[in-house]
Amino acid sequence: LSAPRTAQSVAAEPAEPSTLAVRWQSASVAATL
């Protein structure tokens, strides 16, 4: 926290679309979602 990199907040990264995928143990969870 004393290092220059964290002396102030960095600019937020551009809001580019991302894809989030999750593999569940249960097929019923996936079907409900």
All heavy atoms as atom14 arrays in JSON, in Angstrom:
{
  "sequence": "LSAPRTAQSVAAEPAEPSTLAVRWQSASVAATL",
  "atom14_mask": [
    [1, 1, 1, 1, 1, 1, 1, 1, 0, 0, 0, 0, 0, 0],
    [1, 1, 1, 1, 1, 1, 0, 0, 0, 0, 0, 0, 0, 0],
    [1, 1, 1, 1, 1, 0, 0, 0, 0, 0, 0, 0, 0, 0],
    [1, 1, 1, 1, 1, 1, 1, 0, 0, 0, 0, 0, 0, 0],
    [1, 1, 1, 1, 1, 1, 1, 1, 1, 1, 1, 0, 0, 0],
    [1, 1, 1, 1, 1, 1, 1, 0, 0, 0, 0, 0, 0, 0],
    [1, 1, 1, 1, 1, 0, 0, 0, 0, 0, 0, 0, 0, 0],
    [1, 1, 1, 1, 1, 1, 1, 1, 1, 0, 0, 0, 0, 0],
    [1, 1, 1, 1, 1, 1, 0, 0, 0, 0, 0, 0, 0, 0],
    [1, 1, 1, 1, 1, 1, 1, 0, 0, 0, 0, 0, 0, 0],
    [1, 1, 1, 1, 1, 0, 0, 0, 0, 0, 0, 0, 0, 0],
    [1, 1, 1, 1, 1, 0, 0, 0, 0, 0, 0, 0, 0, 0],
    [1, 1, 1, 1, 1, 1, 1, 1, 1, 0, 0, 0, 0, 0],
    [1, 1, 1, 1, 1, 1, 1, 0, 0, 0, 0, 0, 0, 0],
    [1, 1, 1, 1, 1, 0, 0, 0, 0, 0, 0, 0, 0, 0],
    [1, 1, 1, 1, 1, 1, 1, 1, 1, 0, 0, 0, 0, 0],
    [1, 1, 1, 1, 1, 1, 1, 0, 0, 0, 0, 0, 0, 0],
    [1, 1, 1, 1, 1, 1, 0, 0, 0, 0, 0, 0, 0, 0],
    [1, 1, 1, 1, 1, 1, 1, 0, 0, 0, 0, 0, 0, 0],
    [1, 1, 1, 1, 1, 1, 1, 1, 0, 0, 0, 0, 0, 0],
    [1, 1, 1, 1, 1, 0, 0, 0, 0, 0, 0, 0, 0, 0],
    [1, 1, 1, 1, 1, 1, 1, 0, 0, 0, 0, 0, 0, 0],
    [1, 1, 1, 1, 1, 1, 1, 1, 1, 1, 1, 0, 0, 0],
    [1, 1, 1, 1, 1, 1, 1, 1, 1, 1, 1, 1, 1, 1],
    [1, 1, 1, 1, 1, 1, 1, 1, 1, 0, 0, 0, 0, 0],
    [1, 1, 1, 1, 1, 1, 0, 0, 0, 0, 0, 0, 0, 0],
    [1, 1, 1, 1, 1, 0, 0, 0, 0, 0, 0, 0, 0, 0],
    [1, 1, 1, 1, 1, 1, 0, 0, 0, 0, 0, 0, 0, 0],
    [1, 1, 1, 1, 1, 1, 1, 0, 0, 0, 0, 0, 0, 0],
    [1, 1, 1, 1, 1, 0, 0, 0, 0, 0, 0, 0, 0, 0],
    [1, 1, 1, 1, 1, 0, 0, 0, 0, 0, 0, 0, 0, 0],
    [1, 1, 1, 1, 1, 1, 1, 0, 0, 0, 0, 0, 0, 0],
    [1, 1, 1, 1, 1, 1, 1, 1, 0, 0, 0, 0, 0, 0]
  ],
  "atom14_positions": [
    [[0.82, -1.21, 0.0], [0.0, 0.0, 0.0], [0.85, 1.27, 0.0], [0.34, 2.35, -0.28], [-0.94, 0.0, 1.21], [-1.97, -1.14, 1.24], [-2.87, -0.99, 2.45], [-2.8, -1.16, -0.04], [0.0, 0.0, 0.0], [0.0, 0.0, 0.0], [0.0, 0.0, 0.0], [0.0, 0.0, 0.0], [0.0, 0.0, 0.0], [0.0, 0.0, 0.0]],
    [[2.13, 1.13, 0.29], [3.03, 2.28, 0.23], [3.6, 2.47, -1.17], [4.2, 3.51, -1.46], [4.19, 2.1, 1.23], [3.71, 2.05, 2.55], [0.0, 0.0, 0.0], [0.0, 0.0, 0.0], [0.0, 0.0, 0.0], [0.0, 0.0, 0.0], [0.0, 0.0, 0.0], [0.0, 0.0, 0.0], [0.0, 0.0, 0.0], [0.0, 0.0, 0.0]],
    [[3.44, 1.47, -2.02], [3.99, 1.53, -3.37], [3.19, 2.51, -4.22], [1.99, 2.68, -4.04], [3.97, 0.14, -3.99], [0.0, 0.0, 0.0], [0.0, 0.0, 0.0], [0.0, 0.0, 0.0], [0.0, 0.0, 0.0], [0.0, 0.0, 0.0], [0.0, 0.0, 0.0], [0.0, 0.0, 0.0], [0.0, 0.0, 0.0], [0.0, 0.0, 0.0]],
    [[3.85, 3.16, -5.17], [3.16, 4.15, -6.02], [1.94, 3.6, -6.75], [0.96, 4.3, -6.95], [4.25, 4.57, -7.01], [5.53, 4.32, -6.29], [5.28, 3.09, -5.46], [0.0, 0.0, 0.0], [0.0, 0.0, 0.0], [0.0, 0.0, 0.0], [0.0, 0.0, 0.0], [0.0, 0.0, 0.0], [0.0, 0.0, 0.0], [0.0, 0.0, 0.0]],
    [[1.97, 2.31, -7.13], [0.86, 1.74, -7.91], [-0.46, 1.82, -7.17], [-1.52, 1.94, -7.77], [1.18, 0.28, -8.24], [0.18, -0.35, -9.2], [0.55, -1.79, -9.45], [0.28, -2.63, -8.28], [-0.89, -3.21, -8.05], [-1.9, -3.02, -8.87], [-1.06, -3.97, -6.98], [0.0, 0.0, 0.0], [0.0, 0.0, 0.0], [0.0, 0.0, 0.0]],
    [[-0.43, 1.73, -5.84], [-1.67, 1.74, -5.08], [-1.85, 3.03, -4.29], [-2.64, 3.1, -3.37], [-1.71, 0.54, -4.11], [-0.53, 0.57, -3.29], [-1.75, -0.76, -4.87], [0.0, 0.0, 0.0], [0.0, 0.0, 0.0], [0.0, 0.0, 0.0], [0.0, 0.0, 0.0], [0.0, 0.0, 0.0], [0.0, 0.0, 0.0], [0.0, 0.0, 0.0]],
    [[-1.12, 4.06, -4.64], [-1.26, 5.33, -3.95], [-2.6, 5.99, -4.26], [-3.12, 6.78, -3.5], [-0.12, 6.26, -4.32], [0.0, 0.0, 0.0], [0.0, 0.0, 0.0], [0.0, 0.0, 0.0], [0.0, 0.0, 0.0], [0.0, 0.0, 0.0], [0.0, 0.0, 0.0], [0.0, 0.0, 0.0], [0.0, 0.0, 0.0], [0.0, 0.0, 0.0]],
    [[-3.17, 5.65, -5.42], [-4.48, 6.18, -5.76], [-5.21, 5.17, -6.63], [-4.6, 4.27, -7.21], [-4.36, 7.52, -6.5], [-3.55, 7.43, -7.79], [-3.39, 8.79, -8.44], [-3.67, 9.82, -7.83], [-2.96, 8.81, -9.67], [0.0, 0.0, 0.0], [0.0, 0.0, 0.0], [0.0, 0.0, 0.0], [0.0, 0.0, 0.0], [0.0, 0.0, 0.0]],
    [[-6.51, 5.31, -6.72], [-7.3, 4.36, -7.48], [-6.91, 4.41, -8.96], [-6.63, 5.48, -9.5], [-8.79, 4.68, -7.33], [-9.21, 4.52, -6.0], [0.0, 0.0, 0.0], [0.0, 0.0, 0.0], [0.0, 0.0, 0.0], [0.0, 0.0, 0.0], [0.0, 0.0, 0.0], [0.0, 0.0, 0.0], [0.0, 0.0, 0.0], [0.0, 0.0, 0.0]],
    [[-6.93, 3.25, -9.6], [-6.7, 3.21, -11.03], [-8.01, 3.52, -11.73], [-9.09, 3.4, -11.16], [-6.19, 1.82, -11.46], [-4.85, 1.53, -10.81], [-7.19, 0.73, -11.13], [0.0, 0.0, 0.0], [0.0, 0.0, 0.0], [0.0, 0.0, 0.0], [0.0, 0.0, 0.0], [0.0, 0.0, 0.0], [0.0, 0.0, 0.0], [0.0, 0.0, 0.0]],
    [[-7.91, 3.93, -12.99], [-9.12, 4.2, -13.76], [-9.84, 2.89, -14.03], [-9.22, 1.85, -14.27], [-8.76, 4.87, -15.08], [0.0, 0.0, 0.0], [0.0, 0.0, 0.0], [0.0, 0.0, 0.0], [0.0, 0.0, 0.0], [0.0, 0.0, 0.0], [0.0, 0.0, 0.0], [0.0, 0.0, 0.0], [0.0, 0.0, 0.0], [0.0, 0.0, 0.0]],
    [[-11.16, 2.91, -13.98], [-11.94, 1.72, -14.25], [-11.67, 1.24, -15.68], [-11.52, 2.03, -16.6], [-13.42, 2.0, -14.07], [0.0, 0.0, 0.0], [0.0, 0.0, 0.0], [0.0, 0.0, 0.0], [0.0, 0.0, 0.0], [0.0, 0.0, 0.0], [0.0, 0.0, 0.0], [0.0, 0.0, 0.0], [0.0, 0.0, 0.0], [0.0, 0.0, 0.0]],
    [[-11.58, -0.08, -15.86], [-11.38, -0.62, -17.18], [-12.63, -0.39, -18.03], [-13.75, -0.33, -17.5], [-11.07, -2.12, -17.08], [-9.74, -2.4, -16.41], [-9.4, -3.87, -16.4], [-10.25, -4.68, -16.83], [-8.28, -4.21, -15.97], [0.0, 0.0, 0.0], [0.0, 0.0, 0.0], [0.0, 0.0, 0.0], [0.0, 0.0, 0.0], [0.0, 0.0, 0.0]],
    [[-12.47, -0.26, -19.37], [-13.62, -0.06, -20.23], [-14.65, -1.17, -20.04], [-14.3, -2.34, -19.85], [-13.02, -0.11, -21.64], [-11.58, 0.27, -21.45], [-11.2, -0.28, -20.11], [0.0, 0.0, 0.0], [0.0, 0.0, 0.0], [0.0, 0.0, 0.0], [0.0, 0.0, 0.0], [0.0, 0.0, 0.0], [0.0, 0.0, 0.0], [0.0, 0.0, 0.0]],
    [[-15.92, -0.76, -20.08], [-17.0, -1.73, -19.84], [-17.27, -2.53, -21.1], [-18.23, -2.29, -21.83], [-18.26, -1.0, -19.38], [0.0, 0.0, 0.0], [0.0, 0.0, 0.0], [0.0, 0.0, 0.0], [0.0, 0.0, 0.0], [0.0, 0.0, 0.0], [0.0, 0.0, 0.0], [0.0, 0.0, 0.0], [0.0, 0.0, 0.0], [0.0, 0.0, 0.0]],
    [[-16.39, -3.49, -21.39], [-16.56, -4.35, -22.55], [-17.32, -5.61, -22.13], [-17.11, -6.13, -21.04], [-15.2, -4.72, -23.13], [-14.41, -3.51, -23.65], [-13.08, -3.9, -24.23], [-12.76, -5.11, -24.18], [-12.37, -3.02, -24.74], [0.0, 0.0, 0.0], [0.0, 0.0, 0.0], [0.0, 0.0, 0.0], [0.0, 0.0, 0.0], [0.0, 0.0, 0.0]],
    [[-18.19, -6.11, -23.01], [-18.96, -7.3, -22.65], [-18.07, -8.5, -22.37], [-17.05, -8.71, -23.04], [-19.84, -7.53, -23.88], [-19.9, -6.2, -24.56], [-18.57, -5.56, -24.32], [0.0, 0.0, 0.0], [0.0, 0.0, 0.0], [0.0, 0.0, 0.0], [0.0, 0.0, 0.0], [0.0, 0.0, 0.0], [0.0, 0.0, 0.0], [0.0, 0.0, 0.0]],
    [[-18.43, -9.27, -21.37], [-17.75, -10.51, -21.04], [-18.78, -11.63, -21.03], [-19.98, -11.39, -20.96], [-17.09, -10.41, -19.66], [-15.99, -9.52, -19.68], [0.0, 0.0, 0.0], [0.0, 0.0, 0.0], [0.0, 0.0, 0.0], [0.0, 0.0, 0.0], [0.0, 0.0, 0.0], [0.0, 0.0, 0.0], [0.0, 0.0, 0.0], [0.0, 0.0, 0.0]],
    [[-18.28, -12.85, -21.08], [-19.14, -14.04, -20.99], [-18.75, -14.82, -19.75], [-17.58, -15.18, -19.57], [-19.0, -14.93, -22.23], [-19.37, -14.19, -23.39], [-19.9, -16.16, -22.1], [0.0, 0.0, 0.0], [0.0, 0.0, 0.0], [0.0, 0.0, 0.0], [0.0, 0.0, 0.0], [0.0, 0.0, 0.0], [0.0, 0.0, 0.0], [0.0, 0.0, 0.0]],
    [[-19.72, -15.06, -18.89], [-19.52, -15.86, -17.69], [-20.27, -17.17, -17.87], [-21.47, -17.17, -18.17], [-20.04, -15.14, -16.45], [-19.83, -15.86, -15.11], [-18.36, -15.89, -14.75], [-20.64, -15.18, -14.01], [0.0, 0.0, 0.0], [0.0, 0.0, 0.0], [0.0, 0.0, 0.0], [0.0, 0.0, 0.0], [0.0, 0.0, 0.0], [0.0, 0.0, 0.0]],
    [[-19.57, -18.28, -17.71], [-20.19, -19.61, -17.84], [-19.93, -20.41, -16.57], [-18.84, -20.33, -15.99], [-19.62, -20.34, -19.06], [0.0, 0.0, 0.0], [0.0, 0.0, 0.0], [0.0, 0.0, 0.0], [0.0, 0.0, 0.0], [0.0, 0.0, 0.0], [0.0, 0.0, 0.0], [0.0, 0.0, 0.0], [0.0, 0.0, 0.0], [0.0, 0.0, 0.0]],
    [[-20.93, -21.17, -16.15], [-20.83, -21.97, -14.93], [-21.35, -23.38, -15.22], [-22.44, -23.55, -15.76], [-21.64, -21.35, -13.77], [-21.54, -22.24, -12.53], [-21.16, -19.95, -13.47], [0.0, 0.0, 0.0], [0.0, 0.0, 0.0], [0.0, 0.0, 0.0], [0.0, 0.0, 0.0], [0.0, 0.0, 0.0], [0.0, 0.0, 0.0], [0.0, 0.0, 0.0]],
    [[-20.53, -24.37, -14.84], [-20.96, -25.77, -14.94], [-21.35, -26.24, -13.55], [-20.53, -26.25, -12.62], [-19.84, -26.64, -15.51], [-20.25, -28.11, -15.69], [-19.17, -28.9, -16.42], [-19.53, -30.3, -16.58], [-20.32, -30.78, -17.54], [-20.86, -29.95, -18.42], [-20.58, -32.07, -17.63], [0.0, 0.0, 0.0], [0.0, 0.0, 0.0], [0.0, 0.0, 0.0]],
    [[-22.61, -26.64, -13.41], [-23.16, -27.06, -12.14], [-23.11, -28.58, -12.02], [-23.11, -29.29, -13.01], [-24.61, -26.6, -12.01], [-24.77, -25.12, -12.18], [-24.96, -24.44, -13.34], [-24.71, -24.14, -11.14], [-25.02, -23.09, -13.09], [-24.88, -22.87, -11.75], [-24.54, -24.2, -9.76], [-24.88, -21.69, -11.03], [-24.54, -23.02, -9.03], [-24.72, -21.78, -9.66]],
    [[-23.12, -29.06, -10.8], [-23.2, -30.5, -10.6], [-24.58, -31.01, -11.0], [-24.72, -32.12, -11.51], [-22.93, -30.85, -9.13], [-22.91, -32.35, -8.87], [-22.92, -32.67, -7.4], [-23.83, -32.24, -6.68], [-21.93, -33.41, -6.94], [0.0, 0.0, 0.0], [0.0, 0.0, 0.0], [0.0, 0.0, 0.0], [0.0, 0.0, 0.0], [0.0, 0.0, 0.0]],
    [[-25.59, -30.19, -10.79], [-26.97, -30.61, -11.0], [-27.55, -30.02, -12.28], [-27.53, -28.8, -12.48], [-27.83, -30.16, -9.8], [-29.2, -30.33, -10.08], [0.0, 0.0, 0.0], [0.0, 0.0, 0.0], [0.0, 0.0, 0.0], [0.0, 0.0, 0.0], [0.0, 0.0, 0.0], [0.0, 0.0, 0.0], [0.0, 0.0, 0.0], [0.0, 0.0, 0.0]],
    [[-28.1, -30.87, -13.11], [-28.78, -30.4, -14.31], [-30.03, -29.61, -13.98], [-30.45, -28.73, -14.74], [-29.12, -31.58, -15.22], [0.0, 0.0, 0.0], [0.0, 0.0, 0.0], [0.0, 0.0, 0.0], [0.0, 0.0, 0.0], [0.0, 0.0, 0.0], [0.0, 0.0, 0.0], [0.0, 0.0, 0.0], [0.0, 0.0, 0.0], [0.0, 0.0, 0.0]],
    [[-30.64, -29.89, -12.82], [-31.86, -29.16, -12.45], [-31.56, -27.7, -12.15], [-32.38, -26.83, -12.43], [-32.53, -29.82, -11.26], [-31.73, -29.76, -10.1], [0.0, 0.0, 0.0], [0.0, 0.0, 0.0], [0.0, 0.0, 0.0], [0.0, 0.0, 0.0], [0.0, 0.0, 0.0], [0.0, 0.0, 0.0], [0.0, 0.0, 0.0], [0.0, 0.0, 0.0]],
    [[-30.39, -27.42, -11.59], [-30.0, -26.03, -11.36], [-29.86, -25.31, -12.7], [-30.4, -24.21, -12.9], [-28.69, -25.94, -10.56], [-28.18, -24.5, -10.52], [-28.89, -26.46, -9.15], [0.0, 0.0, 0.0], [0.0, 0.0, 0.0], [0.0, 0.0, 0.0], [0.0, 0.0, 0.0], [0.0, 0.0, 0.0], [0.0, 0.0, 0.0], [0.0, 0.0, 0.0]],
    [[-29.13, -25.91, -13.62], [-28.94, -25.29, -14.93], [-30.28, -25.06, -15.63], [-30.52, -23.98, -16.2], [-28.04, -26.16, -15.79], [0.0, 0.0, 0.0], [0.0, 0.0, 0.0], [0.0, 0.0, 0.0], [0.0, 0.0, 0.0], [0.0, 0.0, 0.0], [0.0, 0.0, 0.0], [0.0, 0.0, 0.0], [0.0, 0.0, 0.0], [0.0, 0.0, 0.0]],
    [[-31.18, -26.04, -15.58], [-32.48, -25.9, -16.24], [-33.29, -24.77, -15.63], [-33.96, -24.01, -16.34], [-33.25, -27.23, -16.16], [0.0, 0.0, 0.0], [0.0, 0.0, 0.0], [0.0, 0.0, 0.0], [0.0, 0.0, 0.0], [0.0, 0.0, 0.0], [0.0, 0.0, 0.0], [0.0, 0.0, 0.0], [0.0, 0.0, 0.0], [0.0, 0.0, 0.0]],
    [[-33.25, -24.64, -14.31], [-34.0, -23.57, -13.65], [-33.46, -22.2, -14.02], [-34.22, -21.26, -14.24], [-33.96, -23.77, -12.12], [-34.49, -25.06, -11.8], [-34.77, -22.7, -11.4], [0.0, 0.0, 0.0], [0.0, 0.0, 0.0], [0.0, 0.0, 0.0], [0.0, 0.0, 0.0], [0.0, 0.0, 0.0], [0.0, 0.0, 0.0], [0.0, 0.0, 0.0]],
    [[-32.14, -22.07, -14.11], [-31.53, -20.78, -14.42], [-31.87, -20.3, -15.82], [-31.81, -19.09, -16.11], [-30.01, -20.87, -14.27], [-29.5, -21.05, -12.84], [-27.98, -21.24, -12.83], [-29.88, -19.85, -11.97], [0.0, 0.0, 0.0], [0.0, 0.0, 0.0], [0.0, 0.0, 0.0], [0.0, 0.0, 0.0], [0.0, 0.0, 0.0], [0.0, 0.0, 0.0]]
  ]
}
